[in-house]
Amino acid sequence: MIEIIRILIVLFILIGGFLSLVAAFGVLRLPDVYTRNHAASKAATLGVLSVLLGTFLYFYVEEGHFNSRVILGIVFIFVTSPVAGHLISRAAYNSGVKLWSNSVQDDLKRKKSKQK
């Protein structure tokens, strides 16, 4: 049973590292602020959560130490990162940052035109 949990710990940390790497490439390579923010808020959040979960499991299983700070970090990242990404994108849109020229749909444009 311990070996299965050790494999899960390694998988969580490797998946977290991979998702963080994907988020970094997304921030560097994607064309506009909205898609970059999407990569940063989604992939980086899942990456950090996976690494923290693997860390929590390691210390709980291997060391016998229940670390409530890691749990609080997981909850904090889970709650704040998507909200911050949404607010940054909304602020960029409201301040006039243009979408990528190949963007297909602008949902907020229709909503803003209905409000006026």
PDB file of N, CA and C in Angstrom:
ATOM      1  N   MET A   1       0.819  -1.201   0.000  1.00  0.00           N
ATOM      2  CA  MET A   1       0.000   0.000   0.000  1.00  0.00           C
ATOM      3  C   MET A   1       0.865   1.268   0.000  1.00  0.00           C
ATOM      4  N   ILE A   2       1.956   1.222   0.744  1.00  0.00           N
ATOM      5  CA  ILE A   2       2.849   2.373   0.816  1.00  0.00           C
ATOM      6  C   ILE A   2       3.475   2.656  -0.553  1.00  0.00           C
ATOM      7  N   GLU A   3       3.788   1.604  -1.302  1.00  0.00           N
ATOM      8  CA  GLU A   3       4.398   1.801  -2.620  1.00  0.00           C
ATOM      9  C   GLU A   3       3.440   2.496  -3.587  1.00  0.00           C
ATOM     10  N   ILE A   4       2.164   2.172  -3.501  1.00  0.00           N
ATOM     11  CA  ILE A   4       1.163   2.827  -4.358  1.00  0.00           C
ATOM     12  C   ILE A   4       1.078   4.312  -4.018  1.00  0.00           C
ATOM     13  N   ILE A   5       1.115   4.631  -2.739  1.00  0.00           N
ATOM     14  CA  ILE A   5       1.053   6.031  -2.328  1.00  0.00           C
ATOM     15  C   ILE A   5       2.321   6.763  -2.759  1.00  0.00           C
ATOM     16  N   ARG A   6       3.475   6.115  -2.684  1.00  0.00           N
ATOM     17  CA  ARG A   6       4.716   6.738  -3.146  1.00  0.00           C
ATOM     18  C   ARG A   6       4.655   7.026  -4.643  1.00  0.00           C
ATOM     19  N   ILE A   7       4.082   6.093  -5.401  1.00  0.00           N
ATOM     20  CA  ILE A   7       3.922   6.321  -6.842  1.00  0.00           C
ATOM     21  C   ILE A   7       2.982   7.493  -7.087  1.00  0.00           C
ATOM     22  N   LEU A   8       1.901   7.589  -6.318  1.00  0.00           N
ATOM     23  CA  LEU A   8       0.979   8.727  -6.440  1.00  0.00           C
ATOM     24  C   LEU A   8       1.674  10.048  -6.115  1.00  0.00           C
ATOM     25  N   ILE A   9       2.515  10.038  -5.096  1.00  0.00           N
ATOM     26  CA  ILE A   9       3.248  11.253  -4.730  1.00  0.00           C
ATOM     27  C   ILE A   9       4.124  11.705  -5.889  1.00  0.00           C
ATOM     28  N   VAL A  10       4.865  10.762  -6.468  1.00  0.00           N
ATOM     29  CA  VAL A  10       5.738  11.091  -7.595  1.00  0.00           C
ATOM     30  C   VAL A  10       4.915  11.591  -8.779  1.00  0.00           C
ATOM     31  N   LEU A  11       3.777  10.933  -9.048  1.00  0.00           N
ATOM     32  CA  LEU A  11       2.925  11.354 -10.163  1.00  0.00           C
ATOM     33  C   LEU A  11       2.377  12.763  -9.953  1.00  0.00           C
ATOM     34  N   PHE A  12       1.917  13.054  -8.739  1.00  0.00           N
ATOM     35  CA  PHE A  12       1.397  14.401  -8.462  1.00  0.00           C
ATOM     36  C   PHE A  12       2.474  15.460  -8.685  1.00  0.00           C
ATOM     37  N   ILE A  13       3.679  15.196  -8.207  1.00  0.00           N
ATOM     38  CA  ILE A  13       4.743  16.189  -8.345  1.00  0.00           C
ATOM     39  C   ILE A  13       5.177  16.320  -9.805  1.00  0.00           C
ATOM     40  N   LEU A  14       5.277  15.210 -10.525  1.00  0.00           N
ATOM     41  CA  LEU A  14       5.653  15.281 -11.943  1.00  0.00           C
ATOM     42  C   LEU A  14       4.577  15.967 -12.786  1.00  0.00           C
ATOM     43  N   ILE A  15       3.324  15.636 -12.542  1.00  0.00           N
ATOM     44  CA  ILE A  15       2.231  16.284 -13.274  1.00  0.00           C
ATOM     45  C   ILE A  15       2.204  17.778 -12.959  1.00  0.00           C
ATOM     46  N   GLY A  16       2.412  18.129 -11.696  1.00  0.00           N
ATOM     47  CA  GLY A  16       2.458  19.538 -11.321  1.00  0.00           C
ATOM     48  C   GLY A  16       3.587  20.284 -11.997  1.00  0.00           C
ATOM     49  N   GLY A  17       4.748  19.656 -12.054  1.00  0.00           N
ATOM     50  CA  GLY A  17       5.875  20.277 -12.752  1.00  0.00           C
ATOM     51  C   GLY A  17       5.608  20.432 -14.234  1.00  0.00           C
ATOM     52  N   PHE A  18       5.003  19.412 -14.847  1.00  0.00           N
ATOM     53  CA  PHE A  18       4.674  19.482 -16.270  1.00  0.00           C
ATOM     54  C   PHE A  18       3.660  20.585 -16.554  1.00  0.00           C
ATOM     55  N   LEU A  19       2.615  20.671 -15.735  1.00  0.00           N
ATOM     56  CA  LEU A  19       1.605  21.713 -15.940  1.00  0.00           C
ATOM     57  C   LEU A  19       2.179  23.111 -15.726  1.00  0.00           C
ATOM     58  N   SER A  20       3.080  23.253 -14.793  1.00  0.00           N
ATOM     59  CA  SER A  20       3.729  24.550 -14.589  1.00  0.00           C
ATOM     60  C   SER A  20       4.600  24.911 -15.782  1.00  0.00           C
ATOM     61  N   LEU A  21       5.267  23.914 -16.356  1.00  0.00           N
ATOM     62  CA  LEU A  21       6.068  24.146 -17.560  1.00  0.00           C
ATOM     63  C   LEU A  21       5.176  24.540 -18.737  1.00  0.00           C
ATOM     64  N   VAL A  22       4.047  23.874 -18.892  1.00  0.00           N
ATOM     65  CA  VAL A  22       3.097  24.213 -19.956  1.00  0.00           C
ATOM     66  C   VAL A  22       2.574  25.638 -19.761  1.00  0.00           C
ATOM     67  N   ALA A  23       2.295  26.003 -18.519  1.00  0.00           N
ATOM     68  CA  ALA A  23       1.826  27.368 -18.246  1.00  0.00           C
ATOM     69  C   ALA A  23       2.890  28.389 -18.604  1.00  0.00           C
ATOM     70  N   ALA A  24       4.146  28.089 -18.306  1.00  0.00           N
ATOM     71  CA  ALA A  24       5.225  29.016 -18.639  1.00  0.00           C
ATOM     72  C   ALA A  24       5.351  29.173 -20.155  1.00  0.00           C
ATOM     73  N   PHE A  25       5.280  28.069 -20.905  1.00  0.00           N
ATOM     74  CA  PHE A  25       5.332  28.159 -22.360  1.00  0.00           C
ATOM     75  C   PHE A  25       4.120  28.914 -22.900  1.00  0.00           C
ATOM     76  N   GLY A  26       2.959  28.698 -22.282  1.00  0.00           N
ATOM     77  CA  GLY A  26       1.763  29.408 -22.721  1.00  0.00           C
ATOM     78  C   GLY A  26       1.877  30.903 -22.524  1.00  0.00           C
ATOM     79  N   VAL A  27       2.437  31.315 -21.408  1.00  0.00           N
ATOM     80  CA  VAL A  27       2.607  32.746 -21.146  1.00  0.00           C
ATOM     81  C   VAL A  27       3.597  33.354 -22.139  1.00  0.00           C
ATOM     82  N   LEU A  28       4.599  32.593 -22.513  1.00  0.00           N
ATOM     83  CA  LEU A  28       5.599  33.118 -23.456  1.00  0.00           C
ATOM     84  C   LEU A  28       5.129  33.097 -24.899  1.00  0.00           C
ATOM     85  N   ARG A  29       4.363  32.093 -25.299  1.00  0.00           N
ATOM     86  CA  ARG A  29       4.092  31.874 -26.714  1.00  0.00           C
ATOM     87  C   ARG A  29       2.707  32.302 -27.195  1.00  0.00           C
ATOM     88  N   LEU A  30       1.739  32.427 -26.331  1.00  0.00           N
ATOM     89  CA  LEU A  30       0.387  32.744 -26.784  1.00  0.00           C
ATOM     90  C   LEU A  30       0.289  34.204 -27.234  1.00  0.00           C
ATOM     91  N   PRO A  31      -0.658  34.511 -28.136  1.00  0.00           N
ATOM     92  CA  PRO A  31      -0.622  35.793 -28.851  1.00  0.00           C
ATOM     93  C   PRO A  31      -1.128  37.023 -28.116  1.00  0.00           C
ATOM     94  N   ASP A  32      -2.076  36.894 -27.199  1.00  0.00           N
ATOM     95  CA  ASP A  32      -2.602  38.106 -26.568  1.00  0.00           C
ATOM     96  C   ASP A  32      -2.746  37.914 -25.062  1.00  0.00           C
ATOM     97  N   VAL A  33      -3.094  39.002 -24.399  1.00  0.00           N
ATOM     98  CA  VAL A  33      -3.146  39.003 -22.940  1.00  0.00           C
ATOM     99  C   VAL A  33      -4.208  38.037 -22.413  1.00  0.00           C
ATOM    100  N   TYR A  34      -5.277  37.834 -23.135  1.00  0.00           N
ATOM    101  CA  TYR A  34      -6.361  36.989 -22.661  1.00  0.00           C
ATOM    102  C   TYR A  34      -5.992  35.507 -22.692  1.00  0.00           C
ATOM    103  N   THR A  35      -5.368  35.073 -23.771  1.00  0.00           N
ATOM    104  CA  THR A  35      -4.963  33.676 -23.838  1.00  0.00           C
ATOM    105  C   THR A  35      -3.774  33.411 -22.912  1.00  0.00           C
ATOM    106  N   ARG A  36      -2.890  34.368 -22.759  1.00  0.00           N
ATOM    107  CA  ARG A  36      -1.785  34.212 -21.811  1.00  0.00           C
ATOM    108  C   ARG A  36      -2.306  34.104 -20.386  1.00  0.00           C
ATOM    109  N   ASN A  37      -3.277  34.943 -20.071  1.00  0.00           N
ATOM    110  CA  ASN A  37      -3.858  34.908 -18.737  1.00  0.00           C
ATOM    111  C   ASN A  37      -4.580  33.586 -18.497  1.00  0.00           C
ATOM    112  N   HIS A  38      -5.217  33.070 -19.520  1.00  0.00           N
ATOM    113  CA  HIS A  38      -5.889  31.783 -19.397  1.00  0.00           C
ATOM    114  C   HIS A  38      -4.877  30.680 -19.076  1.00  0.00           C
ATOM    115  N   ALA A  39      -3.758  30.679 -19.781  1.00  0.00           N
ATOM    116  CA  ALA A  39      -2.718  29.683 -19.519  1.00  0.00           C
ATOM    117  C   ALA A  39      -2.166  29.833 -18.112  1.00  0.00           C
ATOM    118  N   ALA A  40      -1.938  31.061 -17.710  1.00  0.00           N
ATOM    119  CA  ALA A  40      -1.366  31.293 -16.386  1.00  0.00           C
ATOM    120  C   ALA A  40      -2.334  30.910 -15.284  1.00  0.00           C
ATOM    121  N   SER A  41      -3.602  31.251 -15.445  1.00  0.00           N
ATOM    122  CA  SER A  41      -4.537  31.000 -14.349  1.00  0.00           C
ATOM    123  C   SER A  41      -4.994  29.549 -14.282  1.00  0.00           C
ATOM    124  N   LYS A  42      -5.092  28.867 -15.392  1.00  0.00           N
ATOM    125  CA  LYS A  42      -5.577  27.481 -15.361  1.00  0.00           C
ATOM    126  C   LYS A  42      -4.448  26.481 -15.150  1.00  0.00           C
ATOM    127  N   ALA A  43      -3.480  26.477 -16.051  1.00  0.00           N
ATOM    128  CA  ALA A  43      -2.425  25.463 -15.983  1.00  0.00           C
ATOM    129  C   ALA A  43      -1.530  25.667 -14.765  1.00  0.00           C
ATOM    130  N   ALA A  44      -1.196  26.908 -14.468  1.00  0.00           N
ATOM    131  CA  ALA A  44      -0.341  27.146 -13.312  1.00  0.00           C
ATOM    132  C   ALA A  44      -1.059  26.802 -12.012  1.00  0.00           C
ATOM    133  N   THR A  45      -2.350  27.080 -11.933  1.00  0.00           N
ATOM    134  CA  THR A  45      -3.106  26.720 -10.735  1.00  0.00           C
ATOM    135  C   THR A  45      -3.106  25.217 -10.534  1.00  0.00           C
ATOM    136  N   LEU A  46      -3.411  24.472 -11.579  1.00  0.00           N
ATOM    137  CA  LEU A  46      -3.409  23.011 -11.451  1.00  0.00           C
ATOM    138  C   LEU A  46      -2.011  22.479 -11.162  1.00  0.00           C
ATOM    139  N   GLY A  47      -0.993  23.089 -11.745  1.00  0.00           N
ATOM    140  CA  GLY A  47       0.375  22.658 -11.486  1.00  0.00           C
ATOM    141  C   GLY A  47       0.775  22.866 -10.039  1.00  0.00           C
ATOM    142  N   VAL A  48       0.511  24.036  -9.518  1.00  0.00           N
ATOM    143  CA  VAL A  48       0.868  24.332  -8.129  1.00  0.00           C
ATOM    144  C   VAL A  48       0.056  23.458  -7.175  1.00  0.00           C
ATOM    145  N   LEU A  49      -1.223  23.270  -7.467  1.00  0.00           N
ATOM    146  CA  LEU A  49      -2.045  22.418  -6.611  1.00  0.00           C
ATOM    147  C   LEU A  49      -1.542  20.979  -6.609  1.00  0.00           C
ATOM    148  N   SER A  50      -1.118  20.476  -7.750  1.00  0.00           N
ATOM    149  CA  SER A  50      -0.598  19.111  -7.812  1.00  0.00           C
ATOM    150  C   SER A  50       0.694  18.966  -7.017  1.00  0.00           C
ATOM    151  N   VAL A  51       1.577  19.939  -7.139  1.00  0.00           N
ATOM    152  CA  VAL A  51       2.829  19.889  -6.382  1.00  0.00           C
ATOM    153  C   VAL A  51       2.549  19.972  -4.882  1.00  0.00           C
ATOM    154  N   LEU A  52       1.653  20.859  -4.489  1.00  0.00           N
ATOM    155  CA  LEU A  52       1.324  20.975  -3.059  1.00  0.00           C
ATOM    156  C   LEU A  52       0.652  19.712  -2.535  1.00  0.00           C
ATOM    157  N   LEU A  53      -0.204  19.101  -3.334  1.00  0.00           N
ATOM    158  CA  LEU A  53      -0.842  17.856  -2.905  1.00  0.00           C
ATOM    159  C   LEU A  53       0.182  16.734  -2.766  1.00  0.00           C
ATOM    160  N   GLY A  54       1.105  16.638  -3.708  1.00  0.00           N
ATOM    161  CA  GLY A  54       2.179  15.656  -3.595  1.00  0.00           C
ATOM    162  C   GLY A  54       3.048  15.897  -2.371  1.00  0.00           C
ATOM    163  N   THR A  55       3.326  17.166  -2.081  1.00  0.00           N
ATOM    164  CA  THR A  55       4.112  17.515  -0.892  1.00  0.00           C
ATOM    165  C   THR A  55       3.381  17.139   0.379  1.00  0.00           C
ATOM    166  N   PHE A  56       2.084  17.454   0.418  1.00  0.00           N
ATOM    167  CA  PHE A  56       1.293  17.107   1.599  1.00  0.00           C
ATOM    168  C   PHE A  56       1.285  15.596   1.820  1.00  0.00           C
ATOM    169  N   LEU A  57       1.051  14.830   0.750  1.00  0.00           N
ATOM    170  CA  LEU A  57       1.031  13.374   0.880  1.00  0.00           C
ATOM    171  C   LEU A  57       2.382  12.824   1.320  1.00  0.00           C
ATOM    172  N   TYR A  58       3.457  13.390   0.784  1.00  0.00           N
ATOM    173  CA  TYR A  58       4.792  12.933   1.178  1.00  0.00           C
ATOM    174  C   TYR A  58       5.002  13.098   2.676  1.00  0.00           C
ATOM    175  N   PHE A  59       4.765  14.295   3.180  1.00  0.00           N
ATOM    176  CA  PHE A  59       5.014  14.527   4.598  1.00  0.00           C
ATOM    177  C   PHE A  59       4.038  13.756   5.481  1.00  0.00           C
ATOM    178  N   TYR A  60       2.830  13.546   5.019  1.00  0.00           N
ATOM    179  CA  TYR A  60       1.856  12.799   5.829  1.00  0.00           C
ATOM    180  C   TYR A  60       2.189  11.312   5.858  1.00  0.00           C
ATOM    181  N   VAL A  61       2.540  10.741   4.705  1.00  0.00           N
ATOM    182  CA  VAL A  61       2.792   9.300   4.634  1.00  0.00           C
ATOM    183  C   VAL A  61       4.197   8.952   5.113  1.00  0.00           C
ATOM    184  N   GLU A  62       5.191   9.654   4.626  1.00  0.00           N
ATOM    185  CA  GLU A  62       6.582   9.300   4.923  1.00  0.00           C
ATOM    186  C   GLU A  62       7.036   9.774   6.306  1.00  0.00           C
ATOM    187  N   GLU A  63       6.662  10.983   6.664  1.00  0.00           N
ATOM    188  CA  GLU A  63       7.137  11.570   7.919  1.00  0.00           C
ATOM    189  C   GLU A  63       6.101  11.499   9.045  1.00  0.00           C
ATOM    190  N   GLY A  64       4.857  11.220   8.706  1.00  0.00           N
ATOM    191  CA  GLY A  64       3.806  11.177   9.720  1.00  0.00           C
ATOM    192  C   GLY A  64       3.422  12.551  10.234  1.00  0.00           C
ATOM    193  N   HIS A  65       3.629  13.565   9.420  1.00  0.00           N
ATOM    194  CA  HIS A  65       3.377  14.946   9.840  1.00  0.00           C
ATOM    195  C   HIS A  65       2.223  15.519   9.017  1.00  0.00           C
ATOM    196  N   PHE A  66       1.133  15.885   9.684  1.00  0.00           N
ATOM    197  CA  PHE A  66      -0.001  16.537   9.029  1.00  0.00           C
ATOM    198  C   PHE A  66       0.275  18.031   9.002  1.00  0.00           C
ATOM    199  N   ASN A  67       0.515  18.561   7.816  1.00  0.00           N
ATOM    200  CA  ASN A  67       0.878  19.963   7.674  1.00  0.00           C
ATOM    201  C   ASN A  67      -0.342  20.767   7.234  1.00  0.00           C
ATOM    202  N   SER A  68      -0.927  21.475   8.171  1.00  0.00           N
ATOM    203  CA  SER A  68      -2.123  22.263   7.864  1.00  0.00           C
ATOM    204  C   SER A  68      -1.789  23.474   6.986  1.00  0.00           C
ATOM    205  N   ARG A  69      -0.555  23.936   6.989  1.00  0.00           N
ATOM    206  CA  ARG A  69      -0.166  25.075   6.151  1.00  0.00           C
ATOM    207  C   ARG A  69      -0.243  24.719   4.672  1.00  0.00           C
ATOM    208  N   VAL A  70       0.118  23.493   4.349  1.00  0.00           N
ATOM    209  CA  VAL A  70       0.032  23.069   2.950  1.00  0.00           C
ATOM    210  C   VAL A  70      -1.430  22.991   2.523  1.00  0.00           C
ATOM    211  N   ILE A  71      -2.287  22.492   3.392  1.00  0.00           N
ATOM    212  CA  ILE A  71      -3.728  22.445   3.100  1.00  0.00           C
ATOM    213  C   ILE A  71      -4.267  23.856   2.914  1.00  0.00           C
ATOM    214  N   LEU A  72      -3.872  24.775   3.774  1.00  0.00           N
ATOM    215  CA  LEU A  72      -4.305  26.166   3.627  1.00  0.00           C
ATOM    216  C   LEU A  72      -3.776  26.778   2.336  1.00  0.00           C
ATOM    217  N   GLY A  73      -2.551  26.435   1.955  1.00  0.00           N
ATOM    218  CA  GLY A  73      -1.997  26.907   0.684  1.00  0.00           C
ATOM    219  C   GLY A  73      -2.792  26.385  -0.495  1.00  0.00           C
ATOM    220  N   ILE A  74      -3.194  25.111  -0.444  1.00  0.00           N
ATOM    221  CA  ILE A  74      -4.006  24.521  -1.512  1.00  0.00           C
ATOM    222  C   ILE A  74      -5.336  25.252  -1.636  1.00  0.00           C
ATOM    223  N   VAL A  75      -5.987  25.463  -0.513  1.00  0.00           N
ATOM    224  CA  VAL A  75      -7.285  26.150  -0.524  1.00  0.00           C
ATOM    225  C   VAL A  75      -7.126  27.589  -1.021  1.00  0.00           C
ATOM    226  N   PHE A  76      -6.088  28.283  -0.548  1.00  0.00           N
ATOM    227  CA  PHE A  76      -5.863  29.673  -0.945  1.00  0.00           C
ATOM    228  C   PHE A  76      -5.624  29.787  -2.449  1.00  0.00           C
ATOM    229  N   ILE A  77      -4.757  28.958  -2.993  1.00  0.00           N
ATOM    230  CA  ILE A  77      -4.471  28.987  -4.433  1.00  0.00           C
ATOM    231  C   ILE A  77      -5.721  28.614  -5.228  1.00  0.00           C
ATOM    232  N   PHE A  78      -6.443  27.600  -4.765  1.00  0.00           N
ATOM    233  CA  PHE A  78      -7.636  27.137  -5.464  1.00  0.00           C
ATOM    234  C   PHE A  78      -8.699  28.228  -5.552  1.00  0.00           C
ATOM    235  N   VAL A  79      -8.807  29.036  -4.516  1.00  0.00           N
ATOM    236  CA  VAL A  79      -9.832  30.082  -4.493  1.00  0.00           C
ATOM    237  C   VAL A  79      -9.370  31.356  -5.198  1.00  0.00           C
ATOM    238  N   THR A  80      -8.146  31.783  -4.954  1.00  0.00           N
ATOM    239  CA  THR A  80      -7.737  33.107  -5.419  1.00  0.00           C
ATOM    240  C   THR A  80      -7.220  33.154  -6.852  1.00  0.00           C
ATOM    241  N   SER A  81      -6.560  32.130  -7.316  1.00  0.00           N
ATOM    242  CA  SER A  81      -5.939  32.202  -8.640  1.00  0.00           C
ATOM    243  C   SER A  81      -6.950  32.327  -9.782  1.00  0.00           C
ATOM    244  N   PRO A  82      -8.009  31.526  -9.844  1.00  0.00           N
ATOM    245  CA  PRO A  82      -8.977  31.728 -10.929  1.00  0.00           C
ATOM    246  C   PRO A  82      -9.702  33.080 -10.843  1.00  0.00           C
ATOM    247  N   VAL A  83      -9.986  33.520  -9.644  1.00  0.00           N
ATOM    248  CA  VAL A  83     -10.653  34.813  -9.484  1.00  0.00           C
ATOM    249  C   VAL A  83      -9.739  35.943  -9.938  1.00  0.00           C
ATOM    250  N   ALA A  84      -8.464  35.870  -9.568  1.00  0.00           N
ATOM    251  CA  ALA A  84      -7.512  36.895  -9.989  1.00  0.00           C
ATOM    252  C   ALA A  84      -7.348  36.890 -11.509  1.00  0.00           C
ATOM    253  N   GLY A  85      -7.278  35.717 -12.121  1.00  0.00           N
ATOM    254  CA  GLY A  85      -7.181  35.647 -13.574  1.00  0.00           C
ATOM    255  C   GLY A  85      -8.385  36.258 -14.262  1.00  0.00           C
ATOM    256  N   HIS A  86      -9.562  35.989 -13.730  1.00  0.00           N
ATOM    257  CA  HIS A  86     -10.781  36.564 -14.295  1.00  0.00           C
ATOM    258  C   HIS A  86     -10.775  38.087 -14.169  1.00  0.00           C
ATOM    259  N   LEU A  87     -10.401  38.590 -13.005  1.00  0.00           N
ATOM    260  CA  LEU A  87     -10.396  40.037 -12.793  1.00  0.00           C
ATOM    261  C   LEU A  87      -9.348  40.741 -13.653  1.00  0.00           C
ATOM    262  N   ILE A  88      -8.203  40.113 -13.846  1.00  0.00           N
ATOM    263  CA  ILE A  88      -7.173  40.708 -14.705  1.00  0.00           C
ATOM    264  C   ILE A  88      -7.669  40.770 -16.149  1.00  0.00           C
ATOM    265  N   SER A  89      -8.297  39.699 -16.615  1.00  0.00           N
ATOM    266  CA  SER A  89      -8.829  39.717 -17.984  1.00  0.00           C
ATOM    267  C   SER A  89      -9.936  40.740 -18.138  1.00  0.00           C
ATOM    268  N   ARG A  90     -10.809  40.837 -17.165  1.00  0.00           N
ATOM    269  CA  ARG A  90     -11.892  41.812 -17.232  1.00  0.00           C
ATOM    270  C   ARG A  90     -11.354  43.235 -17.213  1.00  0.00           C
ATOM    271  N   ALA A  91     -10.343  43.485 -16.386  1.00  0.00           N
ATOM    272  CA  ALA A  91      -9.741  44.817 -16.338  1.00  0.00           C
ATOM    273  C   ALA A  91      -9.048  45.154 -17.660  1.00  0.00           C
ATOM    274  N   ALA A  92      -8.381  44.173 -18.257  1.00  0.00           N
ATOM    275  CA  ALA A  92      -7.731  44.411 -19.552  1.00  0.00           C
ATOM    276  C   ALA A  92      -8.777  44.727 -20.612  1.00  0.00           C
ATOM    277  N   TYR A  93      -9.877  44.007 -20.611  1.00  0.00           N
ATOM    278  CA  TYR A  93     -10.925  44.253 -21.599  1.00  0.00           C
ATOM    279  C   TYR A  93     -11.549  45.635 -21.414  1.00  0.00           C
ATOM    280  N   ASN A  94     -11.844  45.979 -20.168  1.00  0.00           N
ATOM    281  CA  ASN A  94     -12.475  47.277 -19.900  1.00  0.00           C
ATOM    282  C   ASN A  94     -11.539  48.447 -20.139  1.00  0.00           C
ATOM    283  N   SER A  95     -10.237  48.219 -20.092  1.00  0.00           N
ATOM    284  CA  SER A  95      -9.294  49.309 -20.364  1.00  0.00           C
ATOM    285  C   SER A  95      -8.942  49.410 -21.843  1.00  0.00           C
ATOM    286  N   GLY A  96      -9.513  48.539 -22.669  1.00  0.00           N
ATOM    287  CA  GLY A  96      -9.364  48.681 -24.111  1.00  0.00           C
ATOM    288  C   GLY A  96      -8.295  47.828 -24.758  1.00  0.00           C
ATOM    289  N   VAL A  97      -7.772  46.828 -24.076  1.00  0.00           N
ATOM    290  CA  VAL A  97      -6.777  45.944 -24.683  1.00  0.00           C
ATOM    291  C   VAL A  97      -7.476  45.102 -25.750  1.00  0.00           C
ATOM    292  N   LYS A  98      -6.946  45.146 -26.956  1.00  0.00           N
ATOM    293  CA  LYS A  98      -7.579  44.462 -28.088  1.00  0.00           C
ATOM    294  C   LYS A  98      -7.368  42.959 -28.022  1.00  0.00           C
ATOM    295  N   LEU A  99      -8.358  42.235 -28.545  1.00  0.00           N
ATOM    296  CA  LEU A  99      -8.223  40.791 -28.687  1.00  0.00           C
ATOM    297  C   LEU A  99      -7.274  40.478 -29.833  1.00  0.00           C
ATOM    298  N   TRP A 100      -6.817  39.250 -29.884  1.00  0.00           N
ATOM    299  CA  TRP A 100      -5.972  38.783 -30.979  1.00  0.00           C
ATOM    300  C   TRP A 100      -6.764  38.907 -32.273  1.00  0.00           C
ATOM    301  N   SER A 101      -6.109  39.215 -33.365  1.00  0.00           N
ATOM    302  CA  SER A 101      -6.802  39.455 -34.640  1.00  0.00           C
ATOM    303  C   SER A 101      -7.537  38.215 -35.156  1.00  0.00           C
ATOM    304  N   ASN A 102      -7.114  37.028 -34.775  1.00  0.00           N
ATOM    305  CA  ASN A 102      -7.775  35.792 -35.210  1.00  0.00           C
ATOM    306  C   ASN A 102      -8.803  35.277 -34.206  1.00  0.00           C
ATOM    307  N   SER A 103      -9.148  36.073 -33.215  1.00  0.00           N
ATOM    308  CA  SER A 103     -10.181  35.656 -32.257  1.00  0.00           C
ATOM    309  C   SER A 103     -11.513  35.548 -32.973  1.00  0.00           C
ATOM    310  N   VAL A 104     -12.279  34.548 -32.620  1.00  0.00           N
ATOM    311  CA  VAL A 104     -13.521  34.249 -33.318  1.00  0.00           C
ATOM    312  C   VAL A 104     -14.720  34.931 -32.664  1.00  0.00           C
ATOM    313  N   GLN A 105     -14.722  35.013 -31.340  1.00  0.00           N
ATOM    314  CA  GLN A 105     -15.923  35.462 -30.656  1.00  0.00           C
ATOM    315  C   GLN A 105     -15.558  36.424 -29.529  1.00  0.00           C
ATOM    316  N   ASP A 106     -16.363  37.454 -29.365  1.00  0.00           N
ATOM    317  CA  ASP A 106     -16.197  38.432 -28.290  1.00  0.00           C
ATOM    318  C   ASP A 106     -17.519  38.529 -27.536  1.00  0.00           C
ATOM    319  N   ASP A 107     -17.654  37.731 -26.491  1.00  0.00           N
ATOM    320  CA  ASP A 107     -18.906  37.699 -25.738  1.00  0.00           C
ATOM    321  C   ASP A 107     -19.167  38.998 -24.984  1.00  0.00           C
ATOM    322  N   LEU A 108     -18.144  39.629 -24.502  1.00  0.00           N
ATOM    323  CA  LEU A 108     -18.343  40.852 -23.725  1.00  0.00           C
ATOM    324  C   LEU A 108     -18.770  42.029 -24.593  1.00  0.00           C
ATOM    325  N   LYS A 109     -18.424  42.029 -25.864  1.00  0.00           N
ATOM    326  CA  LYS A 109     -18.817  43.121 -26.754  1.00  0.00           C
ATOM    327  C   LYS A 109     -20.343  43.175 -26.874  1.00  0.00           C
ATOM    328  N   ARG A 110     -20.945  42.006 -27.047  1.00  0.00           N
ATOM    329  CA  ARG A 110     -22.416  41.969 -27.144  1.00  0.00           C
ATOM    330  C   ARG A 110     -23.060  42.380 -25.835  1.00  0.00           C
ATOM    331  N   LYS A 111     -22.478  41.982 -24.717  1.00  0.00           N
ATOM    332  CA  LYS A 111     -23.036  42.322 -23.426  1.00  0.00           C
ATOM    333  C   LYS A 111     -22.917  43.826 -23.158  1.00  0.00           C
ATOM    334  N   LYS A 112     -21.786  44.420 -23.544  1.00  0.00           N
ATOM    335  CA  LYS A 112     -21.611  45.859 -23.350  1.00  0.00           C
ATOM    336  C   LYS A 112     -22.560  46.666 -24.232  1.00  0.00           C
ATOM    337  N   SER A 113     -22.818  46.190 -25.457  1.00  0.00           N
ATOM    338  CA  SER A 113     -23.712  46.917 -26.346  1.00  0.00           C
ATOM    339  C   SER A 113     -25.156  46.862 -25.840  1.00  0.00           C
ATOM    340  N   LYS A 114     -25.534  45.786 -25.155  1.00  0.00           N
ATOM    341  CA  LYS A 114     -26.886  45.683 -24.594  1.00  0.00           C
ATOM    342  C   LYS A 114     -27.059  46.592 -23.384  1.00  0.00           C
ATOM    343  N   GLN A 115     -25.963  46.826 -22.631  1.00  0.00           N
ATOM    344  CA  GLN A 115     -26.058  47.683 -21.449  1.00  0.00           C
ATOM    345  C   GLN A 115     -26.225  49.147 -21.798  1.00  0.00           C
ATOM    346  N   LYS A 116     -25.746  49.580 -22.959  1.00  0.00           N
ATOM    347  CA  LYS A 116     -25.816  50.998 -23.327  1.00  0.00           C
ATOM    348  C   LYS A 116     -27.145  51.360 -23.839  1.00  0.00           C
TER     349      LYS A 116
END
